[in-house]
Every structure is written in structure tokens, then in C-alpha cells.
Amino acid sequence: MYQTNPPRSPKEVLPTMYDLPSEDAEEPGLPDYFHLLQPRLLDETFYPLNYSSDRIFTASDLNLYYDPRHTLWYKRPDWFAVLGVSRLYEERDLRFSYVTWQEGVHPFIVVELLSPGTEKEDLGQTLREIEQPPTKWQVYEQILRIPYYVLFDRYTYELRAFKLSGSRYDAIPLTNSRFEIPELGLGLGVWQGSYQEIDQPWLRWCDARGNWIPTPTEREAYHTEQERQRAEQERQRADQEAQRAEQERQKTERLIAQLRSLGVEPDLD
């Protein structure tokens, strides 16, 4: 390739989303059920302040390409979020992958769901092999410099969180298995409850006051219950009105009977 002056942008000369695959054909198929449900719950409760839904991109198990010098190198986070970009590639297509040199914006937060096979790499406890791609920790901390890195153990339900401070990740102290992200106006923590009819600890977003953000299903159920309660209140009010009207009718009949017993014919007109 001939160099131009000025140099052409990476978006022009490097592979695009359409060129880079979304998965490795040699890897096994879909992840286990937990790896499907947990990212979905994160998606459904992720409502950062100051960003409209069409300027937030979240993904799970999607290839994240990070090095324009090695265009086939990628990591595949269990869940990540990018702020300030369209949900669609070039405002029109669903993404096959997330290519950082095409998008120009790096993820703001990455979540990895720990399992025995990935724990050491996710925790930055593995060394980079010669002529091999960097580890996840190196990519997230040193190359992409992702502000927040979160680890959630799917077996012990332990939460660990790290924030980029200078050139390295520092552990974030947790309070009641949760922590705040001031830039988002949100917190992230471990919630014990039933999601998709499965009761166990889950990683879930909460608001700045610590209230768990409801899922669309929960919001719908809440509004349905509100409507039911309003209808019940209306029915009770109608019953009370009918009861009062009946009491008035009976009172009037007793008065008429008393007047007639005294020889007085009441004027009912």
C-alpha cells in the first residue's frame, strides 16, 4: 500500500466491521444459559444519565477489535457498554463486531463473568506469550484504557470492580456488594432475586440512591398493578357512593313513614 500525504484515516485503509467476523469458527457455539441471561439483565437495567437510548451501545459475546496494527486480534467481553455512539453501525446496520478504529470510541465499562477456565486471564494473572495477542487485562487497562472493569464470579457471586487510575486499574471498595459510577449516575451491585423465574444472586444496575432499576417486564407489571389498584379504588368508591345513596333512601323512607303515622302526608313532588 502506498503512503499518502496526508495519511488516509484508519477507517479508509483498515478492515471494517463487514470484513471482520463476529466469532471464531473454531470456538464452541453459544455460551451457557447464565452467560445469556446475566448480560440481558445488565442490558435491561442500564439507563445512564445524560445519554439517550439511541446513543448507547451494549453488547455481549461480541468481538471487540482493538489493534489497527493487528487487525485480526480481538477480545470478546461477556458484556460491555459504549457511550455516545449510535446503536447502529454508521446509523443503519446492526453490528457484526465492534471495531474501535472504525468507531473512534472505546467502551466505557467491561464486565467479565468469571469461570474456572477464564478466571486467571480475567484477573490479569496470566503472562503474555511471545508473538501472541495481549491478555484481556492488558487490552482493557493499557491499550483501550477502559475506565471501569468489573468481574463477577458466576459460582461464588463475588463482585470485584476496578477503575482506571493513571496507567493502571485500582480496586474499587464495595459497600454491600455494590459500588457507584458517578459519571453514569448509576451503581452496580449484586441483587438477590428472581429473573426469568430463576432465583439467585444477579449483577444488576441501580440508581444513585441505591434503588434497583426495574426491567421492562417489572415496569409493565408495576403499571399493571397500579391500574388494578386504581380500578379497585374506583370500584370501592362506587360501592361507597351506592351505599350512601341506599342509606339516604332508607332514611327518607323512614321519615315518610313517621310523617304518615302522625297523619301528615309528605309532599313528594
Protein backbone atom coordinates (compact mmCIF):
# COMPACT_ATOMS: atom_id res chain seq x y z
CA MET A 1 0.00 0.00 0.00
CA TYR A 2 1.35 3.43 -0.94
CA GLN A 3 1.57 6.09 1.75
CA THR A 4 -0.34 9.27 1.04
CA ASN A 5 0.17 12.76 2.31
CA PRO A 6 -1.73 13.41 4.45
CA PRO A 7 -2.15 9.75 5.52
CA ARG A 8 -5.57 8.26 4.94
CA SER A 9 -7.66 7.53 8.02
CA PRO A 10 -7.78 4.01 9.53
CA LYS A 11 -11.43 3.86 8.54
CA GLU A 12 -10.39 4.04 4.89
CA VAL A 13 -7.40 1.69 4.84
CA LEU A 14 -8.08 -0.91 7.55
CA PRO A 15 -10.68 -3.71 7.66
CA THR A 16 -14.21 -2.66 8.54
CA MET A 17 -16.93 -4.37 10.51
CA TYR A 18 -18.02 -6.07 7.30
CA ASP A 19 -14.57 -7.60 6.89
CA LEU A 20 -14.04 -8.77 10.46
CA PRO A 21 -16.01 -11.77 11.78
CA SER A 22 -18.21 -11.73 14.82
CA GLU A 23 -16.98 -15.08 16.13
CA ASP A 24 -14.28 -17.71 15.76
CA ALA A 25 -15.46 -20.73 13.82
CA GLU A 26 -13.11 -22.93 15.83
CA GLU A 27 -14.65 -21.98 19.16
CA PRO A 28 -17.71 -23.76 20.60
CA GLY A 29 -21.19 -22.41 19.95
CA LEU A 30 -23.41 -20.35 22.19
CA PRO A 31 -22.36 -19.74 25.78
CA ASP A 32 -24.14 -21.39 28.71
CA TYR A 33 -27.52 -20.14 29.89
CA PHE A 34 -26.11 -17.91 32.63
CA HIS A 35 -23.96 -16.13 30.05
CA LEU A 36 -27.12 -15.41 28.11
CA LEU A 37 -29.32 -14.23 30.99
CA GLN A 38 -26.86 -12.17 33.02
CA PRO A 39 -25.88 -9.83 30.15
CA ARG A 40 -29.55 -9.48 29.27
CA LEU A 41 -30.31 -8.27 32.80
CA LEU A 42 -27.46 -5.77 32.56
CA ASP A 43 -28.89 -4.50 29.27
CA GLU A 44 -32.42 -4.20 30.64
CA THR A 45 -31.38 -2.14 33.66
CA PHE A 46 -28.70 0.07 32.10
CA TYR A 47 -30.02 3.65 31.94
CA PRO A 48 -27.10 6.07 32.38
CA LEU A 49 -27.88 9.72 32.91
CA ASN A 50 -27.24 12.24 30.11
CA TYR A 51 -27.38 9.62 27.35
CA SER A 52 -30.42 8.81 25.24
CA SER A 53 -31.02 5.17 24.43
CA ASP A 54 -30.06 5.68 20.78
CA ARG A 55 -26.59 6.88 21.85
CA ILE A 56 -25.75 3.82 23.93
CA PHE A 57 -24.38 0.60 22.51
CA THR A 58 -24.20 -2.52 24.65
CA ALA A 59 -23.16 -5.98 23.58
CA SER A 60 -22.34 -9.39 24.96
CA ASP A 61 -20.10 -12.06 23.48
CA LEU A 62 -19.28 -9.77 20.55
CA ASN A 63 -15.80 -9.48 19.10
CA LEU A 64 -14.05 -6.28 20.19
CA TYR A 65 -11.22 -5.42 17.75
CA TYR A 66 -8.66 -3.14 19.34
CA ASP A 67 -5.33 -3.02 17.45
CA PRO A 68 -5.08 -1.43 13.97
CA ARG A 69 -1.61 -2.98 13.59
CA HIS A 70 -3.03 -6.47 14.16
CA THR A 71 -6.48 -6.22 12.69
CA LEU A 72 -7.48 -9.82 13.43
CA TRP A 73 -6.75 -9.57 17.15
CA TYR A 74 -9.84 -9.25 19.32
CA LYS A 75 -11.30 -9.86 22.74
CA ARG A 76 -14.85 -10.97 23.38
CA PRO A 77 -16.17 -9.44 26.62
CA ASP A 78 -19.12 -11.07 28.32
CA TRP A 79 -20.72 -7.59 28.38
CA PHE A 80 -19.58 -4.09 27.52
CA ALA A 81 -21.08 -0.66 27.01
CA VAL A 82 -20.04 2.22 24.77
CA LEU A 83 -21.42 5.70 25.37
CA GLY A 84 -22.04 8.41 22.82
CA VAL A 85 -22.23 6.18 19.75
CA SER A 86 -25.20 5.10 17.70
CA ARG A 87 -26.75 1.75 18.45
CA LEU A 88 -26.28 1.04 14.74
CA TYR A 89 -23.13 0.86 12.65
CA GLU A 90 -22.97 4.06 10.59
CA GLU A 91 -26.53 4.76 11.76
CA ARG A 92 -28.02 1.98 9.65
CA ASP A 93 -26.77 -1.58 10.28
CA LEU A 94 -26.68 -3.95 13.20
CA ARG A 95 -23.08 -4.55 14.18
CA PHE A 96 -21.30 -7.79 13.34
CA SER A 97 -18.48 -6.75 15.70
CA TYR A 98 -17.12 -3.64 17.38
CA VAL A 99 -14.08 -2.24 15.59
CA THR A 100 -12.50 0.51 17.66
CA TRP A 101 -10.59 2.17 14.81
CA GLN A 102 -13.83 2.42 12.85
CA GLU A 103 -15.97 3.67 15.72
CA GLY A 104 -13.49 6.08 17.28
CA VAL A 105 -14.94 5.49 20.77
CA HIS A 106 -13.76 2.87 23.23
CA PRO A 107 -16.00 1.02 25.69
CA PHE A 108 -16.68 2.77 28.98
CA ILE A 109 -17.15 -0.38 31.02
CA VAL A 110 -16.49 -4.08 30.54
CA VAL A 111 -17.96 -6.93 32.58
CA GLU A 112 -16.43 -10.39 32.61
CA LEU A 113 -18.24 -13.35 34.18
CA LEU A 114 -15.61 -15.44 35.86
CA SER A 115 -15.44 -19.19 35.41
CA PRO A 116 -12.60 -21.64 36.20
CA GLY A 117 -11.40 -21.65 32.60
CA THR A 118 -11.10 -17.86 32.28
CA GLU A 119 -10.51 -16.65 35.83
CA LYS A 120 -6.72 -16.22 35.68
CA GLU A 121 -6.78 -14.28 32.43
CA ASP A 122 -9.73 -12.14 33.53
CA LEU A 123 -7.85 -11.26 36.74
CA GLY A 124 -4.67 -10.39 34.91
CA GLN A 125 -2.78 -13.36 36.36
CA THR A 126 -1.56 -14.76 33.05
CA LEU A 127 1.50 -13.61 31.15
CA ARG A 128 1.50 -12.69 27.52
CA GLU A 129 3.16 -15.34 25.40
CA ILE A 130 5.74 -14.37 22.80
CA GLU A 131 4.20 -13.32 19.49
CA GLN A 132 0.73 -13.84 20.92
CA PRO A 133 -2.00 -11.24 21.48
CA PRO A 134 -2.03 -9.38 24.80
CA THR A 135 -4.22 -10.63 27.64
CA LYS A 136 -7.66 -9.23 28.40
CA TRP A 137 -6.32 -7.24 31.32
CA GLN A 138 -3.61 -5.69 29.16
CA VAL A 139 -6.06 -4.79 26.42
CA TYR A 140 -8.63 -3.26 28.76
CA GLU A 141 -6.11 -1.46 31.00
CA GLN A 142 -3.22 -0.50 28.74
CA ILE A 143 -4.48 -0.44 25.15
CA LEU A 144 -8.13 0.59 25.25
CA ARG A 145 -7.86 2.19 28.71
CA ILE A 146 -11.42 1.31 29.58
CA PRO A 147 -12.43 3.36 32.65
CA TYR A 148 -14.23 0.56 34.50
CA TYR A 149 -13.54 -3.18 34.56
CA VAL A 150 -15.91 -5.43 36.51
CA LEU A 151 -15.57 -9.11 37.39
CA PHE A 152 -18.48 -11.22 38.64
CA ASP A 153 -17.94 -14.81 39.73
CA ARG A 154 -20.84 -16.91 38.46
CA TYR A 155 -20.24 -19.59 41.11
CA THR A 156 -19.47 -17.64 44.28
CA TYR A 157 -21.35 -14.47 43.17
CA GLU A 158 -18.41 -12.36 44.31
CA LEU A 159 -18.16 -8.93 42.71
CA ARG A 160 -14.84 -7.21 42.05
CA ALA A 161 -14.53 -3.84 40.36
CA PHE A 162 -11.61 -1.78 39.10
CA LYS A 163 -11.27 1.83 37.99
CA LEU A 164 -8.57 3.16 35.73
CA SER A 165 -6.32 5.47 37.72
CA GLY A 166 -3.47 6.88 35.69
CA SER A 167 -1.97 3.93 33.87
CA ARG A 168 -3.35 1.09 35.99
CA TYR A 169 -6.51 -0.39 37.44
CA ASP A 170 -7.16 0.18 41.14
CA ALA A 171 -9.66 -1.92 43.05
CA ILE A 172 -12.89 -0.12 43.99
CA PRO A 173 -14.08 -0.61 47.60
CA LEU A 174 -17.54 -2.18 47.72
CA THR A 175 -20.41 -1.38 50.07
CA ASN A 176 -22.96 -4.16 50.46
CA SER A 177 -21.60 -5.78 47.30
CA ARG A 178 -22.14 -2.71 45.16
CA PHE A 179 -20.32 0.43 44.02
CA GLU A 180 -21.17 3.74 42.38
CA ILE A 181 -20.18 5.08 38.98
CA PRO A 182 -20.66 8.84 39.34
CA GLU A 183 -20.10 9.53 35.64
CA LEU A 184 -23.22 7.48 34.86
CA GLY A 185 -25.35 8.44 37.84
CA LEU A 186 -25.66 4.71 38.45
CA GLY A 187 -24.43 1.97 40.73
CA LEU A 188 -23.73 -1.68 40.03
CA GLY A 189 -24.20 -4.43 42.57
CA VAL A 190 -25.26 -7.94 43.45
CA TRP A 191 -29.03 -8.34 43.73
CA GLN A 192 -30.73 -11.39 45.18
CA GLY A 193 -33.96 -12.01 43.33
CA SER A 194 -35.86 -13.79 40.59
CA TYR A 195 -35.02 -13.01 36.99
CA GLN A 196 -36.58 -15.06 34.21
CA GLU A 197 -38.08 -17.19 37.03
CA ILE A 198 -34.61 -18.09 38.34
CA ASP A 199 -33.95 -17.01 41.92
CA GLN A 200 -30.28 -16.38 42.68
CA PRO A 201 -27.80 -13.51 43.02
CA TRP A 202 -27.51 -11.43 39.85
CA LEU A 203 -25.39 -8.47 38.78
CA ARG A 204 -27.72 -5.53 38.30
CA TRP A 205 -27.76 -1.76 37.86
CA CYS A 206 -29.23 0.58 40.46
CA ASP A 207 -29.80 4.32 40.58
CA ALA A 208 -27.72 6.83 42.54
CA ARG A 209 -29.93 6.29 45.60
CA GLY A 210 -29.36 2.56 45.53
CA ASN A 211 -32.78 1.60 44.14
CA TRP A 212 -32.64 -1.32 41.73
CA ILE A 213 -33.61 -0.22 38.24
CA PRO A 214 -36.63 -2.23 37.05
CA THR A 215 -36.60 -4.34 33.93
CA PRO A 216 -39.23 -3.70 31.21
CA THR A 217 -41.18 -6.71 32.49
CA GLU A 218 -41.11 -5.36 36.03
CA ARG A 219 -42.17 -1.91 34.85
CA GLU A 220 -45.06 -3.42 32.93
CA ALA A 221 -46.07 -5.50 35.95
CA TYR A 222 -45.84 -2.40 38.14
CA HIS A 223 -48.05 -0.36 35.81
CA THR A 224 -50.50 -3.24 35.54
CA GLU A 225 -50.67 -3.44 39.33
CA GLN A 226 -51.12 0.33 39.52
CA GLU A 227 -54.01 0.12 37.07
CA ARG A 228 -55.53 -2.74 39.05
CA GLN A 229 -55.26 -0.76 42.27
CA ARG A 230 -56.80 2.31 40.64
CA ALA A 231 -59.67 0.21 39.28
CA GLU A 232 -60.17 -1.33 42.73
CA GLN A 233 -60.20 2.10 44.33
CA GLU A 234 -62.78 3.28 41.78
CA ARG A 235 -64.91 0.22 42.50
CA GLN A 236 -64.71 0.85 46.23
CA ARG A 237 -65.65 4.50 45.75
CA ALA A 238 -68.61 3.47 43.58
CA ASP A 239 -69.67 0.94 46.23
CA GLN A 240 -69.42 3.58 48.94
CA GLU A 241 -71.47 6.02 46.86
CA ALA A 242 -74.10 3.36 46.27
CA GLN A 243 -74.12 2.52 49.97
CA ARG A 244 -74.55 6.17 50.92
CA ALA A 245 -77.36 6.54 48.36
CA GLU A 246 -79.08 3.47 49.80
CA GLN A 247 -78.73 4.84 53.32
CA GLU A 248 -80.26 8.14 52.21
CA ARG A 249 -83.12 6.29 50.53
CA GLN A 250 -83.82 4.25 53.67
CA LYS A 251 -83.62 7.39 55.82
CA THR A 252 -86.12 9.14 53.56
CA GLU A 253 -88.50 6.15 53.68
CA ARG A 254 -88.36 6.10 57.50
CA LEU A 255 -89.09 9.83 57.62
CA ILE A 256 -92.05 9.41 55.27
CA ALA A 257 -93.38 6.56 57.40
CA GLN A 258 -93.05 8.63 60.58
CA LEU A 259 -94.91 11.56 58.99
CA ARG A 260 -97.73 9.32 57.79
CA SER A 261 -98.02 7.75 61.23
CA LEU A 262 -98.69 11.27 62.53
CA GLY A 263 -101.36 11.83 59.88
CA VAL A 264 -99.18 14.02 57.71
CA GLU A 265 -98.95 13.26 54.05
CA PRO A 266 -95.50 14.36 52.88
CA ASP A 267 -95.11 16.35 49.69
CA LEU A 268 -93.00 14.08 47.46
CA ASP A 269 -93.01 16.37 44.42
